[in-house]
Amino acid sequence: MGRPFVGQFRTINNIKHSRLEERMSNAPENVIIPANVTKWLTDAIASYVNVTPQSLDVDISVAEYGLDSVNAVTLVGDIERAFGLSLEPTFVWDYPTIREMAVLIDSEMAT
């Protein structure tokens, strides 16, 4: 017997991911991301991986800085509270860079 919920989750997640890909592909190469969202994400992630915010590159996967799954799920909860959003628990893995997260958060807040 299949797990229909998993299939629905993947479909919804794929739709959200395709919206981000579309937005990123239509943006200039150096897409401008909201400074306040980027700063918030950079500060939060830096605190989780014990580095300075200045040492994080917005285009490098946060996993490369050592963000583990426990902290990733906690970060999702922090983002939800800070920005009033409802995100999938896999958000950080689906949008692994600060830039991708910021673009999606900004897009979700605009809708």
PDB file of N, CA and C in Angstrom:
ATOM      1  N   MET A   1       0.838  -1.178   0.000  1.00  0.00           N
ATOM      2  CA  MET A   1       0.000   0.000   0.000  1.00  0.00           C
ATOM      3  C   MET A   1       0.886   1.244   0.000  1.00  0.00           C
ATOM      4  N   GLY A   2       0.590   2.181  -0.885  1.00  0.00           N
ATOM      5  CA  GLY A   2       1.405   3.385  -1.003  1.00  0.00           C
ATOM      6  C   GLY A   2       1.139   4.372   0.111  1.00  0.00           C
ATOM      7  N   ARG A   3       1.958   5.378   0.143  1.00  0.00           N
ATOM      8  CA  ARG A   3       1.819   6.447   1.129  1.00  0.00           C
ATOM      9  C   ARG A   3       1.407   7.706   0.386  1.00  0.00           C
ATOM     10  N   PRO A   4       0.085   7.921   0.184  1.00  0.00           N
ATOM     11  CA  PRO A   4      -0.362   9.049  -0.632  1.00  0.00           C
ATOM     12  C   PRO A   4       0.057  10.403  -0.095  1.00  0.00           C
ATOM     13  N   PHE A   5       0.158  10.539   1.220  1.00  0.00           N
ATOM     14  CA  PHE A   5       0.560  11.830   1.784  1.00  0.00           C
ATOM     15  C   PHE A   5       1.948  12.217   1.313  1.00  0.00           C
ATOM     16  N   VAL A   6       2.843  11.239   1.257  1.00  0.00           N
ATOM     17  CA  VAL A   6       4.210  11.517   0.816  1.00  0.00           C
ATOM     18  C   VAL A   6       4.187  12.028  -0.615  1.00  0.00           C
ATOM     19  N   GLY A   7       3.369  11.399  -1.456  1.00  0.00           N
ATOM     20  CA  GLY A   7       3.259  11.844  -2.841  1.00  0.00           C
ATOM     21  C   GLY A   7       2.725  13.258  -2.940  1.00  0.00           C
ATOM     22  N   GLN A   8       1.727  13.588  -2.113  1.00  0.00           N
ATOM     23  CA  GLN A   8       1.178  14.939  -2.106  1.00  0.00           C
ATOM     24  C   GLN A   8       2.231  15.934  -1.642  1.00  0.00           C
ATOM     25  N   PHE A   9       2.985  15.574  -0.609  1.00  0.00           N
ATOM     26  CA  PHE A   9       4.033  16.454  -0.094  1.00  0.00           C
ATOM     27  C   PHE A   9       5.058  16.731  -1.185  1.00  0.00           C
ATOM     28  N   ARG A  10       5.478  15.680  -1.873  1.00  0.00           N
ATOM     29  CA  ARG A  10       6.477  15.871  -2.933  1.00  0.00           C
ATOM     30  C   ARG A  10       5.933  16.753  -4.040  1.00  0.00           C
ATOM     31  N   THR A  11       4.648  16.583  -4.393  1.00  0.00           N
ATOM     32  CA  THR A  11       4.052  17.411  -5.431  1.00  0.00           C
ATOM     33  C   THR A  11       4.035  18.870  -5.012  1.00  0.00           C
ATOM     34  N   ILE A  12       3.574  19.150  -3.799  1.00  0.00           N
ATOM     35  CA  ILE A  12       3.542  20.531  -3.297  1.00  0.00           C
ATOM     36  C   ILE A  12       4.948  21.099  -3.232  1.00  0.00           C
ATOM     37  N   ASN A  13       5.885  20.291  -2.725  1.00  0.00           N
ATOM     38  CA  ASN A  13       7.265  20.750  -2.610  1.00  0.00           C
ATOM     39  C   ASN A  13       7.849  21.032  -3.991  1.00  0.00           C
ATOM     40  N   ASN A  14       7.546  20.197  -4.971  1.00  0.00           N
ATOM     41  CA  ASN A  14       8.057  20.411  -6.323  1.00  0.00           C
ATOM     42  C   ASN A  14       7.483  21.690  -6.926  1.00  0.00           C
ATOM     43  N   ILE A  15       6.205  21.982  -6.634  1.00  0.00           N
ATOM     44  CA  ILE A  15       5.612  23.215  -7.130  1.00  0.00           C
ATOM     45  C   ILE A  15       6.331  24.416  -6.533  1.00  0.00           C
ATOM     46  N   LYS A  16       6.552  24.410  -5.206  1.00  0.00           N
ATOM     47  CA  LYS A  16       7.249  25.516  -4.564  1.00  0.00           C
ATOM     48  C   LYS A  16       8.664  25.655  -5.111  1.00  0.00           C
ATOM     49  N   HIS A  17       9.351  24.514  -5.295  1.00  0.00           N
ATOM     50  CA  HIS A  17      10.721  24.551  -5.790  1.00  0.00           C
ATOM     51  C   HIS A  17      10.747  25.101  -7.213  1.00  0.00           C
ATOM     52  N   SER A  18       9.760  24.715  -8.039  1.00  0.00           N
ATOM     53  CA  SER A  18       9.759  25.204  -9.416  1.00  0.00           C
ATOM     54  C   SER A  18       9.490  26.706  -9.458  1.00  0.00           C
ATOM     55  N   ARG A  19       8.679  27.235  -8.491  1.00  0.00           N
ATOM     56  CA  ARG A  19       8.454  28.683  -8.432  1.00  0.00           C
ATOM     57  C   ARG A  19       9.752  29.413  -8.122  1.00  0.00           C
ATOM     58  N   LEU A  20      10.537  28.871  -7.196  1.00  0.00           N
ATOM     59  CA  LEU A  20      11.810  29.498  -6.864  1.00  0.00           C
ATOM     60  C   LEU A  20      12.743  29.440  -8.066  1.00  0.00           C
ATOM     61  N   GLU A  21      12.822  28.278  -8.717  1.00  0.00           N
ATOM     62  CA  GLU A  21      13.698  28.152  -9.880  1.00  0.00           C
ATOM     63  C   GLU A  21      13.302  29.141 -10.961  1.00  0.00           C
ATOM     64  N   GLU A  22      11.983  29.308 -11.166  1.00  0.00           N
ATOM     65  CA  GLU A  22      11.509  30.260 -12.167  1.00  0.00           C
ATOM     66  C   GLU A  22      11.913  31.676 -11.781  1.00  0.00           C
ATOM     67  N   ARG A  23      11.721  32.020 -10.516  1.00  0.00           N
ATOM     68  CA  ARG A  23      12.071  33.372 -10.064  1.00  0.00           C
ATOM     69  C   ARG A  23      13.574  33.608 -10.174  1.00  0.00           C
ATOM     70  N   MET A  24      14.374  32.601  -9.796  1.00  0.00           N
ATOM     71  CA  MET A  24      15.830  32.756  -9.871  1.00  0.00           C
ATOM     72  C   MET A  24      16.275  32.835 -11.331  1.00  0.00           C
ATOM     73  N   SER A  25      15.656  32.056 -12.240  1.00  0.00           N
ATOM     74  CA  SER A  25      16.089  32.070 -13.636  1.00  0.00           C
ATOM     75  C   SER A  25      15.718  33.368 -14.334  1.00  0.00           C
ATOM     76  N   ASN A  26      14.657  34.023 -13.874  1.00  0.00           N
ATOM     77  CA  ASN A  26      14.246  35.281 -14.474  1.00  0.00           C
ATOM     78  C   ASN A  26      14.968  36.488 -13.873  1.00  0.00           C
ATOM     79  N   ALA A  27      15.704  36.256 -12.816  1.00  0.00           N
ATOM     80  CA  ALA A  27      16.402  37.348 -12.144  1.00  0.00           C
ATOM     81  C   ALA A  27      17.789  37.533 -12.764  1.00  0.00           C
ATOM     82  N   PRO A  28      18.336  38.721 -12.623  1.00  0.00           N
ATOM     83  CA  PRO A  28      19.717  38.906 -13.082  1.00  0.00           C
ATOM     84  C   PRO A  28      20.658  38.005 -12.287  1.00  0.00           C
ATOM     85  N   GLU A  29      21.825  37.794 -12.842  1.00  0.00           N
ATOM     86  CA  GLU A  29      22.781  36.880 -12.197  1.00  0.00           C
ATOM     87  C   GLU A  29      23.051  37.279 -10.750  1.00  0.00           C
ATOM     88  N   ASN A  30      23.149  38.536 -10.505  1.00  0.00           N
ATOM     89  CA  ASN A  30      23.400  39.012  -9.139  1.00  0.00           C
ATOM     90  C   ASN A  30      22.084  39.490  -8.526  1.00  0.00           C
ATOM     91  N   VAL A  31      21.122  38.576  -8.461  1.00  0.00           N
ATOM     92  CA  VAL A  31      19.785  38.908  -7.969  1.00  0.00           C
ATOM     93  C   VAL A  31      19.873  39.621  -6.624  1.00  0.00           C
ATOM     94  N   ILE A  32      19.088  40.670  -6.498  1.00  0.00           N
ATOM     95  CA  ILE A  32      19.080  41.422  -5.247  1.00  0.00           C
ATOM     96  C   ILE A  32      18.126  40.722  -4.296  1.00  0.00           C
ATOM     97  N   ILE A  33      18.639  40.336  -3.167  1.00  0.00           N
ATOM     98  CA  ILE A  33      17.811  39.668  -2.176  1.00  0.00           C
ATOM     99  C   ILE A  33      17.550  40.627  -1.033  1.00  0.00           C
ATOM    100  N   PRO A  34      16.406  40.499  -0.410  1.00  0.00           N
ATOM    101  CA  PRO A  34      16.062  41.438   0.659  1.00  0.00           C
ATOM    102  C   PRO A  34      17.109  41.443   1.763  1.00  0.00           C
ATOM    103  N   ALA A  35      17.653  42.614   2.037  1.00  0.00           N
ATOM    104  CA  ALA A  35      18.754  42.730   2.995  1.00  0.00           C
ATOM    105  C   ALA A  35      18.349  42.287   4.394  1.00  0.00           C
ATOM    106  N   ASN A  36      17.142  42.657   4.827  1.00  0.00           N
ATOM    107  CA  ASN A  36      16.751  42.300   6.187  1.00  0.00           C
ATOM    108  C   ASN A  36      16.565  40.793   6.340  1.00  0.00           C
ATOM    109  N   VAL A  37      16.028  40.131   5.312  1.00  0.00           N
ATOM    110  CA  VAL A  37      15.860  38.668   5.362  1.00  0.00           C
ATOM    111  C   VAL A  37      17.230  38.005   5.327  1.00  0.00           C
ATOM    112  N   THR A  38      18.086  38.483   4.460  1.00  0.00           N
ATOM    113  CA  THR A  38      19.427  37.913   4.347  1.00  0.00           C
ATOM    114  C   THR A  38      20.205  38.078   5.647  1.00  0.00           C
ATOM    115  N   LYS A  39      20.134  39.263   6.223  1.00  0.00           N
ATOM    116  CA  LYS A  39      20.849  39.494   7.485  1.00  0.00           C
ATOM    117  C   LYS A  39      20.309  38.586   8.582  1.00  0.00           C
ATOM    118  N   TRP A  40      18.995  38.479   8.669  1.00  0.00           N
ATOM    119  CA  TRP A  40      18.394  37.627   9.695  1.00  0.00           C
ATOM    120  C   TRP A  40      18.860  36.182   9.520  1.00  0.00           C
ATOM    121  N   LEU A  41      18.793  35.667   8.287  1.00  0.00           N
ATOM    122  CA  LEU A  41      19.223  34.288   8.022  1.00  0.00           C
ATOM    123  C   LEU A  41      20.710  34.102   8.324  1.00  0.00           C
ATOM    124  N   THR A  42      21.518  35.049   7.875  1.00  0.00           N
ATOM    125  CA  THR A  42      22.963  34.953   8.096  1.00  0.00           C
ATOM    126  C   THR A  42      23.286  34.931   9.585  1.00  0.00           C
ATOM    127  N   ASP A  43      22.662  35.810  10.336  1.00  0.00           N
ATOM    128  CA  ASP A  43      22.903  35.850  11.787  1.00  0.00           C
ATOM    129  C   ASP A  43      22.444  34.553  12.458  1.00  0.00           C
ATOM    130  N   ALA A  44      21.272  34.073  12.076  1.00  0.00           N
ATOM    131  CA  ALA A  44      20.744  32.847  12.690  1.00  0.00           C
ATOM    132  C   ALA A  44      21.622  31.638  12.366  1.00  0.00           C
ATOM    133  N   ILE A  45      21.981  31.485  11.115  1.00  0.00           N
ATOM    134  CA  ILE A  45      22.791  30.330  10.708  1.00  0.00           C
ATOM    135  C   ILE A  45      24.178  30.410  11.330  1.00  0.00           C
ATOM    136  N   ALA A  46      24.746  31.604  11.373  1.00  0.00           N
ATOM    137  CA  ALA A  46      26.069  31.764  12.000  1.00  0.00           C
ATOM    138  C   ALA A  46      26.024  31.322  13.452  1.00  0.00           C
ATOM    139  N   SER A  47      24.940  31.636  14.142  1.00  0.00           N
ATOM    140  CA  SER A  47      24.850  31.238  15.551  1.00  0.00           C
ATOM    141  C   SER A  47      24.746  29.715  15.693  1.00  0.00           C
ATOM    142  N   TYR A  48      24.089  29.073  14.756  1.00  0.00           N
ATOM    143  CA  TYR A  48      23.964  27.612  14.817  1.00  0.00           C
ATOM    144  C   TYR A  48      25.279  26.891  14.526  1.00  0.00           C
ATOM    145  N   VAL A  49      26.086  27.451  13.633  1.00  0.00           N
ATOM    146  CA  VAL A  49      27.329  26.767  13.239  1.00  0.00           C
ATOM    147  C   VAL A  49      28.566  27.387  13.872  1.00  0.00           C
ATOM    148  N   ASN A  50      28.351  28.331  14.789  1.00  0.00           N
ATOM    149  CA  ASN A  50      29.438  28.942  15.554  1.00  0.00           C
ATOM    150  C   ASN A  50      30.521  29.590  14.694  1.00  0.00           C
ATOM    151  N   VAL A  51      30.054  30.436  13.756  1.00  0.00           N
ATOM    152  CA  VAL A  51      30.983  31.238  12.958  1.00  0.00           C
ATOM    153  C   VAL A  51      30.470  32.671  12.973  1.00  0.00           C
ATOM    154  N   THR A  52      31.266  33.589  12.476  1.00  0.00           N
ATOM    155  CA  THR A  52      30.800  34.969  12.375  1.00  0.00           C
ATOM    156  C   THR A  52      29.896  35.094  11.146  1.00  0.00           C
ATOM    157  N   PRO A  53      28.900  35.950  11.215  1.00  0.00           N
ATOM    158  CA  PRO A  53      28.036  36.132  10.043  1.00  0.00           C
ATOM    159  C   PRO A  53      28.823  36.537   8.790  1.00  0.00           C
ATOM    160  N   GLN A  54      29.885  37.309   8.979  1.00  0.00           N
ATOM    161  CA  GLN A  54      30.680  37.762   7.837  1.00  0.00           C
ATOM    162  C   GLN A  54      31.384  36.613   7.121  1.00  0.00           C
ATOM    163  N   SER A  55      31.561  35.488   7.789  1.00  0.00           N
ATOM    164  CA  SER A  55      32.269  34.373   7.163  1.00  0.00           C
ATOM    165  C   SER A  55      31.357  33.502   6.297  1.00  0.00           C
ATOM    166  N   LEU A  56      30.055  33.789   6.299  1.00  0.00           N
ATOM    167  CA  LEU A  56      29.120  32.998   5.495  1.00  0.00           C
ATOM    168  C   LEU A  56      28.945  33.606   4.111  1.00  0.00           C
ATOM    169  N   ASP A  57      28.964  32.755   3.113  1.00  0.00           N
ATOM    170  CA  ASP A  57      28.721  33.159   1.730  1.00  0.00           C
ATOM    171  C   ASP A  57      27.280  32.784   1.402  1.00  0.00           C
ATOM    172  N   VAL A  58      26.484  33.724   0.892  1.00  0.00           N
ATOM    173  CA  VAL A  58      25.064  33.463   0.636  1.00  0.00           C
ATOM    174  C   VAL A  58      24.825  32.440  -0.464  1.00  0.00           C
ATOM    175  N   ASP A  59      25.862  32.096  -1.225  1.00  0.00           N
ATOM    176  CA  ASP A  59      25.709  31.149  -2.323  1.00  0.00           C
ATOM    177  C   ASP A  59      26.307  29.770  -2.044  1.00  0.00           C
ATOM    178  N   ILE A  60      26.710  29.524  -0.814  1.00  0.00           N
ATOM    179  CA  ILE A  60      27.247  28.215  -0.429  1.00  0.00           C
ATOM    180  C   ILE A  60      26.224  27.507   0.439  1.00  0.00           C
ATOM    181  N   SER A  61      26.042  26.228   0.194  1.00  0.00           N
ATOM    182  CA  SER A  61      25.089  25.440   0.967  1.00  0.00           C
ATOM    183  C   SER A  61      25.405  25.528   2.454  1.00  0.00           C
ATOM    184  N   VAL A  62      24.361  25.742   3.255  1.00  0.00           N
ATOM    185  CA  VAL A  62      24.572  25.847   4.697  1.00  0.00           C
ATOM    186  C   VAL A  62      25.070  24.532   5.282  1.00  0.00           C
ATOM    187  N   ALA A  63      24.827  23.433   4.611  1.00  0.00           N
ATOM    188  CA  ALA A  63      25.347  22.142   5.073  1.00  0.00           C
ATOM    189  C   ALA A  63      26.876  22.136   5.050  1.00  0.00           C
ATOM    190  N   GLU A  64      27.461  22.863   4.110  1.00  0.00           N
ATOM    191  CA  GLU A  64      28.919  22.938   4.035  1.00  0.00           C
ATOM    192  C   GLU A  64      29.521  23.652   5.242  1.00  0.00           C
ATOM    193  N   TYR A  65      28.725  24.449   5.912  1.00  0.00           N
ATOM    194  CA  TYR A  65      29.194  25.123   7.124  1.00  0.00           C
ATOM    195  C   TYR A  65      28.950  24.278   8.371  1.00  0.00           C
ATOM    196  N   GLY A  66      28.321  23.118   8.178  1.00  0.00           N
ATOM    197  CA  GLY A  66      28.107  22.214   9.300  1.00  0.00           C
ATOM    198  C   GLY A  66      26.726  22.275   9.932  1.00  0.00           C
ATOM    199  N   LEU A  67      25.761  22.888   9.264  1.00  0.00           N
ATOM    200  CA  LEU A  67      24.400  22.913   9.803  1.00  0.00           C
ATOM    201  C   LEU A  67      23.826  21.504   9.702  1.00  0.00           C
ATOM    202  N   ASP A  68      23.528  20.910  10.851  1.00  0.00           N
ATOM    203  CA  ASP A  68      23.008  19.537  10.845  1.00  0.00           C
ATOM    204  C   ASP A  68      21.487  19.537  10.781  1.00  0.00           C
ATOM    205  N   SER A  69      20.904  18.343  10.699  1.00  0.00           N
ATOM    206  CA  SER A  69      19.462  18.229  10.511  1.00  0.00           C
ATOM    207  C   SER A  69      18.671  18.760  11.705  1.00  0.00           C
ATOM    208  N   VAL A  70      19.171  18.567  12.906  1.00  0.00           N
ATOM    209  CA  VAL A  70      18.468  19.070  14.098  1.00  0.00           C
ATOM    210  C   VAL A  70      18.407  20.593  14.054  1.00  0.00           C
ATOM    211  N   ASN A  71      19.532  21.222  13.787  1.00  0.00           N
ATOM    212  CA  ASN A  71      19.553  22.681  13.705  1.00  0.00           C
ATOM    213  C   ASN A  71      18.763  23.193  12.500  1.00  0.00           C
ATOM    214  N   ALA A  72      18.749  22.423  11.414  1.00  0.00           N
ATOM    215  CA  ALA A  72      17.992  22.837  10.233  1.00  0.00           C
ATOM    216  C   ALA A  72      16.496  22.888  10.540  1.00  0.00           C
ATOM    217  N   VAL A  73      15.995  21.874  11.224  1.00  0.00           N
ATOM    218  CA  VAL A  73      14.574  21.856  11.587  1.00  0.00           C
ATOM    219  C   VAL A  73      14.271  22.970  12.583  1.00  0.00           C
ATOM    220  N   THR A  74      15.170  23.208  13.514  1.00  0.00           N
ATOM    221  CA  THR A  74      14.992  24.301  14.468  1.00  0.00           C
ATOM    222  C   THR A  74      14.994  25.641  13.743  1.00  0.00           C
ATOM    223  N   LEU A  75      15.882  25.796  12.774  1.00  0.00           N
ATOM    224  CA  LEU A  75      15.935  27.021  11.973  1.00  0.00           C
ATOM    225  C   LEU A  75      14.612  27.247  11.248  1.00  0.00           C
ATOM    226  N   VAL A  76      14.029  26.191  10.707  1.00  0.00           N
ATOM    227  CA  VAL A  76      12.740  26.318  10.018  1.00  0.00           C
ATOM    228  C   VAL A  76      11.688  26.898  10.975  1.00  0.00           C
ATOM    229  N   GLY A  77      11.654  26.377  12.194  1.00  0.00           N
ATOM    230  CA  GLY A  77      10.725  26.910  13.193  1.00  0.00           C
ATOM    231  C   GLY A  77      10.993  28.369  13.506  1.00  0.00           C
ATOM    232  N   ASP A  78      12.267  28.721  13.603  1.00  0.00           N
ATOM    233  CA  ASP A  78      12.636  30.119  13.860  1.00  0.00           C
ATOM    234  C   ASP A  78      12.182  31.025  12.713  1.00  0.00           C
ATOM    235  N   ILE A  79      12.365  30.563  11.480  1.00  0.00           N
ATOM    236  CA  ILE A  79      11.947  31.334  10.304  1.00  0.00           C
ATOM    237  C   ILE A  79      10.434  31.516  10.310  1.00  0.00           C
ATOM    238  N   GLU A  80       9.726  30.444  10.608  1.00  0.00           N
ATOM    239  CA  GLU A  80       8.262  30.520  10.641  1.00  0.00           C
ATOM    240  C   GLU A  80       7.782  31.573  11.640  1.00  0.00           C
ATOM    241  N   ARG A  81       8.382  31.562  12.808  1.00  0.00           N
ATOM    242  CA  ARG A  81       7.989  32.535  13.846  1.00  0.00           C
ATOM    243  C   ARG A  81       8.401  33.961  13.467  1.00  0.00           C
ATOM    244  N   ALA A  82       9.595  34.107  12.945  1.00  0.00           N
ATOM    245  CA  ALA A  82      10.107  35.446  12.637  1.00  0.00           C
ATOM    246  C   ALA A  82       9.365  36.109  11.480  1.00  0.00           C
ATOM    247  N   PHE A  83       8.970  35.312  10.484  1.00  0.00           N
ATOM    248  CA  PHE A  83       8.377  35.885   9.276  1.00  0.00           C
ATOM    249  C   PHE A  83       6.907  35.533   9.086  1.00  0.00           C
ATOM    250  N   GLY A  84       6.322  34.811  10.043  1.00  0.00           N
ATOM    251  CA  GLY A  84       4.911  34.476   9.954  1.00  0.00           C
ATOM    252  C   GLY A  84       4.568  33.558   8.799  1.00  0.00           C
ATOM    253  N   LEU A  85       5.452  32.617   8.520  1.00  0.00           N
ATOM    254  CA  LEU A  85       5.241  31.695   7.405  1.00  0.00           C
ATOM    255  C   LEU A  85       5.004  30.281   7.898  1.00  0.00           C
ATOM    256  N   SER A  86       4.504  29.453   7.023  1.00  0.00           N
ATOM    257  CA  SER A  86       4.390  28.025   7.292  1.00  0.00           C
ATOM    258  C   SER A  86       5.227  27.317   6.238  1.00  0.00           C
ATOM    259  N   LEU A  87       6.298  26.661   6.675  1.00  0.00           N
ATOM    260  CA  LEU A  87       7.244  26.032   5.757  1.00  0.00           C
ATOM    261  C   LEU A  87       7.315  24.527   6.006  1.00  0.00           C
ATOM    262  N   GLU A  88       7.751  23.814   4.999  1.00  0.00           N
ATOM    263  CA  GLU A  88       7.978  22.380   5.145  1.00  0.00           C
ATOM    264  C   GLU A  88       9.217  22.170   6.017  1.00  0.00           C
ATOM    265  N   PRO A  89       9.249  21.084   6.786  1.00  0.00           N
ATOM    266  CA  PRO A  89      10.429  20.807   7.627  1.00  0.00           C
ATOM    267  C   PRO A  89      11.721  20.669   6.815  1.00  0.00           C
ATOM    268  N   THR A  90      11.596  20.344   5.533  1.00  0.00           N
ATOM    269  CA  THR A  90      12.771  20.153   4.675  1.00  0.00           C
ATOM    270  C   THR A  90      13.215  21.440   3.971  1.00  0.00           C
ATOM    271  N   PHE A  91      12.636  22.560   4.353  1.00  0.00           N
ATOM    272  CA  PHE A  91      12.916  23.840   3.696  1.00  0.00           C
ATOM    273  C   PHE A  91      14.407  24.106   3.508  1.00  0.00           C
ATOM    274  N   VAL A  92      15.182  23.900   4.554  1.00  0.00           N
ATOM    275  CA  VAL A  92      16.624  24.210   4.490  1.00  0.00           C
ATOM    276  C   VAL A  92      17.334  23.302   3.489  1.00  0.00           C
ATOM    277  N   TRP A  93      16.881  22.074   3.348  1.00  0.00           N
ATOM    278  CA  TRP A  93      17.523  21.154   2.401  1.00  0.00           C
ATOM    279  C   TRP A  93      17.019  21.409   0.987  1.00  0.00           C
ATOM    280  N   ASP A  94      15.769  21.876   0.864  1.00  0.00           N
ATOM    281  CA  ASP A  94      15.219  22.177  -0.454  1.00  0.00           C
ATOM    282  C   ASP A  94      15.793  23.466  -1.031  1.00  0.00           C
ATOM    283  N   TYR A  95      16.136  24.399  -0.172  1.00  0.00           N
ATOM    284  CA  TYR A  95      16.705  25.693  -0.554  1.00  0.00           C
ATOM    285  C   TYR A  95      17.984  25.879   0.265  1.00  0.00           C
ATOM    286  N   PRO A  96      19.058  25.231  -0.144  1.00  0.00           N
ATOM    287  CA  PRO A  96      20.228  25.076   0.733  1.00  0.00           C
ATOM    288  C   PRO A  96      21.135  26.281   0.917  1.00  0.00           C
ATOM    289  N   THR A  97      20.936  27.330   0.157  1.00  0.00           N
ATOM    290  CA  THR A  97      21.799  28.496   0.351  1.00  0.00           C
ATOM    291  C   THR A  97      20.997  29.632   0.986  1.00  0.00           C
ATOM    292  N   ILE A  98      21.693  30.551   1.583  1.00  0.00           N
ATOM    293  CA  ILE A  98      21.037  31.705   2.187  1.00  0.00           C
ATOM    294  C   ILE A  98      20.293  32.501   1.112  1.00  0.00           C
ATOM    295  N   ARG A  99      20.897  32.624  -0.053  1.00  0.00           N
ATOM    296  CA  ARG A  99      20.248  33.351  -1.155  1.00  0.00           C
ATOM    297  C   ARG A  99      18.923  32.686  -1.533  1.00  0.00           C
ATOM    298  N   GLU A 100      18.936  31.384  -1.728  1.00  0.00           N
ATOM    299  CA  GLU A 100      17.702  30.687  -2.112  1.00  0.00           C
ATOM    300  C   GLU A 100      16.633  30.814  -1.029  1.00  0.00           C
ATOM    301  N   MET A 101      17.039  30.667   0.225  1.00  0.00           N
ATOM    302  CA  MET A 101      16.086  30.808   1.324  1.00  0.00           C
ATOM    303  C   MET A 101      15.503  32.211   1.348  1.00  0.00           C
ATOM    304  N   ALA A 102      16.351  33.218   1.218  1.00  0.00           N
ATOM    305  CA  ALA A 102      15.897  34.614   1.288  1.00  0.00           C
ATOM    306  C   ALA A 102      14.933  34.942   0.155  1.00  0.00           C
ATOM    307  N   VAL A 103      15.235  34.467  -1.041  1.00  0.00           N
ATOM    308  CA  VAL A 103      14.358  34.723  -2.183  1.00  0.00           C
ATOM    309  C   VAL A 103      12.996  34.081  -1.946  1.00  0.00           C
ATOM    310  N   LEU A 104      12.982  32.848  -1.471  1.00  0.00           N
ATOM    311  CA  LEU A 104      11.705  32.187  -1.248  1.00  0.00           C
ATOM    312  C   LEU A 104      10.933  32.853  -0.109  1.00  0.00           C
ATOM    313  N   ILE A 105      11.622  33.192   0.975  1.00  0.00           N
ATOM    314  CA  ILE A 105      10.946  33.863   2.094  1.00  0.00           C
ATOM    315  C   ILE A 105      10.343  35.177   1.625  1.00  0.00           C
ATOM    316  N   ASP A 106      11.097  35.962   0.873  1.00  0.00           N
ATOM    317  CA  ASP A 106      10.591  37.223   0.355  1.00  0.00           C
ATOM    318  C   ASP A 106       9.383  36.999  -0.565  1.00  0.00           C
ATOM    319  N   SER A 107       9.474  35.984  -1.395  1.00  0.00           N
ATOM    320  CA  SER A 107       8.372  35.653  -2.305  1.00  0.00           C
ATOM    321  C   SER A 107       7.127  35.247  -1.530  1.00  0.00           C
ATOM    322  N   GLU A 108       7.297  34.424  -0.497  1.00  0.00           N
ATOM    323  CA  GLU A 108       6.171  33.973   0.306  1.00  0.00           C
ATOM    324  C   GLU A 108       5.549  35.125   1.087  1.00  0.00           C
ATOM    325  N   MET A 109       6.362  36.052   1.548  1.00  0.00           N
ATOM    326  CA  MET A 109       5.831  37.184   2.300  1.00  0.00           C
ATOM    327  C   MET A 109       5.078  38.137   1.383  1.00  0.00           C
ATOM    328  N   ALA A 110       5.426  38.158   0.100  1.00  0.00           N
ATOM    329  CA  ALA A 110       4.773  39.046  -0.854  1.00  0.00           C
ATOM    330  C   ALA A 110       3.416  38.515  -1.315  1.00  0.00           C
ATOM    331  N   THR A 111       3.153  37.230  -1.065  1.00  0.00           N
ATOM    332  CA  THR A 111       1.881  36.659  -1.540  1.00  0.00           C
ATOM    333  C   THR A 111       0.813  36.738  -0.486  1.00  0.00           C
TER     334      THR A 111
END
